[in-house]
């Protein structure tokens, strides 16, 4: 989550104005880290020794992890505690 994109300062300033409150580069990175992780996986799949199917699976997991609560009933069968 520490990787900074060249346009992050401008994007954070824009969000600060829109939200009418301070919004830092760190806030931006935190809010976008799942998308940034997906992009990194797609761009570096070969370096990560993933084939094209694994890249897509791992990318989807990275991008979706902020949207889905893995401790929900839907994932009950997949939790290690069960």
N, C-alpha and C. Protein backbone atom coordinates (compact mmCIF):
# COMPACT_ATOMS: atom_id res chain seq x y z
N UNK A 1 0.81 -1.20 0.00
CA UNK A 1 0.00 0.00 0.00
C UNK A 1 0.86 1.26 0.00
N UNK A 2 2.14 1.10 0.00
CA UNK A 2 3.00 2.27 0.08
C UNK A 2 3.42 2.79 -1.28
N UNK A 3 3.04 2.12 -2.36
CA UNK A 3 3.45 2.56 -3.69
C UNK A 3 2.65 3.79 -4.10
N UNK A 4 3.37 4.80 -4.50
CA UNK A 4 2.75 6.07 -4.87
C UNK A 4 2.80 6.23 -6.39
N UNK A 5 1.69 6.62 -6.98
CA UNK A 5 1.63 6.92 -8.40
C UNK A 5 1.97 8.39 -8.63
N UNK A 6 2.48 8.73 -9.80
CA UNK A 6 2.90 10.12 -10.06
C UNK A 6 1.78 11.16 -9.90
N UNK A 7 0.55 10.79 -10.16
CA UNK A 7 -0.54 11.78 -10.08
C UNK A 7 -1.31 11.74 -8.75
N UNK A 8 -0.78 11.05 -7.75
CA UNK A 8 -1.48 10.91 -6.47
C UNK A 8 -1.68 12.24 -5.75
N UNK A 9 -0.68 13.12 -5.78
CA UNK A 9 -0.82 14.41 -5.09
C UNK A 9 -1.99 15.20 -5.67
N UNK A 10 -2.08 15.25 -6.99
CA UNK A 10 -3.16 15.99 -7.64
C UNK A 10 -4.51 15.34 -7.37
N UNK A 11 -4.57 14.01 -7.42
CA UNK A 11 -5.82 13.30 -7.17
C UNK A 11 -6.28 13.51 -5.73
N UNK A 12 -5.35 13.49 -4.77
CA UNK A 12 -5.70 13.70 -3.37
C UNK A 12 -6.21 15.12 -3.15
N UNK A 13 -5.57 16.09 -3.77
CA UNK A 13 -6.01 17.48 -3.65
C UNK A 13 -7.42 17.65 -4.23
N UNK A 14 -7.67 17.01 -5.34
CA UNK A 14 -9.00 17.05 -5.97
C UNK A 14 -10.06 16.45 -5.04
N UNK A 15 -9.74 15.31 -4.45
CA UNK A 15 -10.69 14.66 -3.53
C UNK A 15 -10.91 15.52 -2.28
N UNK A 16 -9.87 16.20 -1.82
CA UNK A 16 -10.00 17.10 -0.68
C UNK A 16 -11.02 18.18 -0.97
N UNK A 17 -10.93 18.74 -2.15
CA UNK A 17 -11.89 19.79 -2.55
C UNK A 17 -13.30 19.23 -2.67
N UNK A 18 -13.45 18.07 -3.29
CA UNK A 18 -14.77 17.45 -3.45
C UNK A 18 -15.40 17.10 -2.11
N UNK A 19 -14.61 16.54 -1.21
CA UNK A 19 -15.12 16.09 0.08
C UNK A 19 -15.21 17.23 1.10
N UNK A 20 -14.59 18.35 0.76
CA UNK A 20 -14.54 19.52 1.65
C UNK A 20 -13.96 19.17 3.03
N UNK A 21 -12.93 18.35 2.97
CA UNK A 21 -12.18 17.96 4.17
C UNK A 21 -10.80 17.48 3.73
N UNK A 22 -9.85 17.45 4.64
CA UNK A 22 -8.51 16.97 4.25
C UNK A 22 -8.58 15.52 3.76
N UNK A 23 -7.89 15.26 2.68
CA UNK A 23 -7.81 13.92 2.09
C UNK A 23 -6.38 13.76 1.60
N UNK A 24 -5.63 12.94 2.29
CA UNK A 24 -4.20 12.81 2.01
C UNK A 24 -3.91 11.77 0.92
N UNK A 25 -2.67 11.77 0.48
CA UNK A 25 -2.20 10.75 -0.46
C UNK A 25 -2.34 9.38 0.18
N UNK A 26 -2.07 9.28 1.48
CA UNK A 26 -2.22 8.01 2.18
C UNK A 26 -3.68 7.54 2.16
N UNK A 27 -4.62 8.48 2.31
CA UNK A 27 -6.04 8.14 2.22
C UNK A 27 -6.37 7.59 0.83
N UNK A 28 -5.85 8.24 -0.19
CA UNK A 28 -6.07 7.82 -1.57
C UNK A 28 -5.53 6.41 -1.81
N UNK A 29 -4.29 6.18 -1.38
CA UNK A 29 -3.67 4.87 -1.55
C UNK A 29 -4.48 3.80 -0.82
N UNK A 30 -4.91 4.10 0.40
CA UNK A 30 -5.70 3.14 1.18
C UNK A 30 -7.01 2.83 0.45
N UNK A 31 -7.67 3.85 -0.07
CA UNK A 31 -8.95 3.65 -0.76
C UNK A 31 -8.81 2.89 -2.07
N UNK A 32 -7.65 3.01 -2.71
CA UNK A 32 -7.45 2.38 -4.02
C UNK A 32 -6.55 1.15 -3.97
N UNK A 33 -6.12 0.72 -2.79
CA UNK A 33 -5.08 -0.32 -2.74
C UNK A 33 -5.53 -1.63 -3.38
N UNK A 34 -6.79 -1.95 -3.32
CA UNK A 34 -7.25 -3.20 -3.93
C UNK A 34 -7.15 -3.14 -5.46
N UNK A 35 -7.45 -1.98 -6.03
CA UNK A 35 -7.32 -1.79 -7.49
C UNK A 35 -5.84 -1.75 -7.88
N UNK A 36 -5.05 -1.06 -7.11
CA UNK A 36 -3.61 -0.99 -7.39
C UNK A 36 -2.96 -2.36 -7.29
N UNK A 37 -3.40 -3.16 -6.32
CA UNK A 37 -2.87 -4.52 -6.17
C UNK A 37 -3.22 -5.36 -7.39
N UNK A 38 -4.47 -5.24 -7.85
CA UNK A 38 -4.89 -5.97 -9.05
C UNK A 38 -4.07 -5.59 -10.26
N UNK A 39 -3.83 -4.30 -10.41
CA UNK A 39 -3.03 -3.82 -11.54
C UNK A 39 -1.60 -4.35 -11.45
N UNK A 40 -1.04 -4.34 -10.24
CA UNK A 40 0.32 -4.84 -10.05
C UNK A 40 0.40 -6.32 -10.42
N UNK A 41 -0.56 -7.10 -9.97
CA UNK A 41 -0.57 -8.53 -10.26
C UNK A 41 -0.65 -8.77 -11.76
N UNK A 42 -1.49 -8.01 -12.44
CA UNK A 42 -1.64 -8.16 -13.89
C UNK A 42 -0.34 -7.80 -14.62
N UNK A 43 0.30 -6.73 -14.17
CA UNK A 43 1.52 -6.26 -14.82
C UNK A 43 2.75 -7.11 -14.49
N UNK A 44 2.74 -7.81 -13.36
CA UNK A 44 3.91 -8.55 -12.91
C UNK A 44 3.65 -10.05 -12.74
N UNK A 45 2.64 -10.55 -13.40
CA UNK A 45 2.30 -11.97 -13.29
C UNK A 45 3.46 -12.89 -13.60
N UNK A 46 4.22 -12.57 -14.61
CA UNK A 46 5.37 -13.40 -14.98
C UNK A 46 6.41 -13.39 -13.87
N UNK A 47 6.69 -12.20 -13.32
CA UNK A 47 7.66 -12.09 -12.22
C UNK A 47 7.19 -12.88 -11.00
N UNK A 48 5.86 -12.96 -10.83
CA UNK A 48 5.29 -13.69 -9.70
C UNK A 48 5.15 -15.18 -9.98
N UNK A 49 5.59 -15.56 -11.18
CA UNK A 49 5.54 -16.97 -11.63
C UNK A 49 4.11 -17.52 -11.68
N UNK A 50 3.19 -16.67 -12.16
CA UNK A 50 1.80 -17.06 -12.31
C UNK A 50 1.48 -17.24 -13.78
N UNK A 51 0.67 -18.24 -14.11
CA UNK A 51 0.21 -18.34 -15.50
C UNK A 51 -0.97 -17.39 -15.68
N UNK A 52 -1.47 -17.27 -16.91
CA UNK A 52 -2.49 -16.26 -17.19
C UNK A 52 -3.80 -16.52 -16.43
N UNK A 53 -4.11 -17.76 -16.15
CA UNK A 53 -5.32 -18.08 -15.38
C UNK A 53 -5.12 -17.70 -13.91
N UNK A 54 -3.96 -18.01 -13.36
CA UNK A 54 -3.66 -17.64 -11.97
C UNK A 54 -3.64 -16.12 -11.80
N UNK A 55 -3.07 -15.43 -12.77
CA UNK A 55 -3.04 -13.97 -12.72
C UNK A 55 -4.46 -13.43 -12.59
N UNK A 56 -5.36 -13.93 -13.41
CA UNK A 56 -6.73 -13.44 -13.39
C UNK A 56 -7.42 -13.78 -12.06
N UNK A 57 -7.22 -14.97 -11.56
CA UNK A 57 -7.82 -15.37 -10.28
C UNK A 57 -7.31 -14.51 -9.13
N UNK A 58 -6.00 -14.36 -9.04
CA UNK A 58 -5.40 -13.58 -7.96
C UNK A 58 -5.79 -12.11 -8.09
N UNK A 59 -5.83 -11.60 -9.31
CA UNK A 59 -6.25 -10.20 -9.53
C UNK A 59 -7.67 -9.99 -9.03
N UNK A 60 -8.57 -10.90 -9.35
CA UNK A 60 -9.97 -10.77 -8.92
C UNK A 60 -10.09 -10.82 -7.40
N UNK A 61 -9.31 -11.68 -6.77
CA UNK A 61 -9.32 -11.76 -5.31
C UNK A 61 -8.82 -10.44 -4.72
N UNK A 62 -7.72 -9.93 -5.25
CA UNK A 62 -7.15 -8.67 -4.74
C UNK A 62 -8.13 -7.52 -4.91
N UNK A 63 -8.74 -7.42 -6.08
CA UNK A 63 -9.64 -6.31 -6.34
C UNK A 63 -10.95 -6.44 -5.57
N UNK A 64 -11.38 -7.66 -5.29
CA UNK A 64 -12.65 -7.85 -4.62
C UNK A 64 -12.60 -7.91 -3.11
N UNK A 65 -11.42 -7.97 -2.54
CA UNK A 65 -11.36 -8.20 -1.10
C UNK A 65 -11.93 -7.06 -0.27
N UNK A 66 -12.02 -5.88 -0.80
CA UNK A 66 -12.62 -4.78 -0.04
C UNK A 66 -14.14 -4.79 -0.12
N UNK A 67 -14.68 -5.54 -1.05
CA UNK A 67 -16.11 -5.54 -1.27
C UNK A 67 -16.84 -6.69 -0.59
N UNK A 68 -16.14 -7.75 -0.30
CA UNK A 68 -16.77 -8.96 0.22
C UNK A 68 -16.22 -9.26 1.60
N UNK A 69 -17.11 -9.46 2.55
CA UNK A 69 -16.68 -9.83 3.90
C UNK A 69 -16.49 -11.34 3.93
N UNK A 70 -15.25 -11.78 4.06
CA UNK A 70 -14.94 -13.20 4.02
C UNK A 70 -15.41 -13.94 5.27
N UNK A 71 -15.77 -13.20 6.32
CA UNK A 71 -16.29 -13.86 7.51
C UNK A 71 -17.81 -13.98 7.49
N UNK A 72 -18.41 -13.69 6.34
CA UNK A 72 -19.86 -13.79 6.21
C UNK A 72 -20.27 -15.26 6.09
N UNK A 73 -21.55 -15.52 6.27
CA UNK A 73 -22.10 -16.88 6.22
C UNK A 73 -21.81 -17.55 4.87
N UNK A 74 -21.77 -16.75 3.81
CA UNK A 74 -21.52 -17.27 2.46
C UNK A 74 -20.19 -18.02 2.37
N UNK A 75 -19.19 -17.60 3.15
CA UNK A 75 -17.86 -18.20 3.10
C UNK A 75 -17.60 -19.14 4.27
N UNK A 76 -18.62 -19.45 5.03
CA UNK A 76 -18.49 -20.27 6.24
C UNK A 76 -17.72 -21.57 5.99
N UNK A 77 -18.02 -22.24 4.88
CA UNK A 77 -17.38 -23.52 4.58
C UNK A 77 -15.89 -23.39 4.26
N UNK A 78 -15.43 -22.17 3.98
CA UNK A 78 -14.05 -21.96 3.56
C UNK A 78 -13.16 -21.42 4.67
N UNK A 79 -13.73 -21.07 5.82
CA UNK A 79 -12.94 -20.55 6.92
C UNK A 79 -12.17 -21.67 7.59
N UNK A 80 -10.92 -21.40 7.96
CA UNK A 80 -10.08 -22.42 8.59
C UNK A 80 -10.61 -22.87 9.94
N UNK A 81 -11.32 -22.00 10.64
CA UNK A 81 -11.81 -22.31 11.99
C UNK A 81 -12.87 -23.40 11.97
N UNK A 82 -13.53 -23.60 10.83
CA UNK A 82 -14.63 -24.58 10.75
C UNK A 82 -14.14 -25.96 10.40
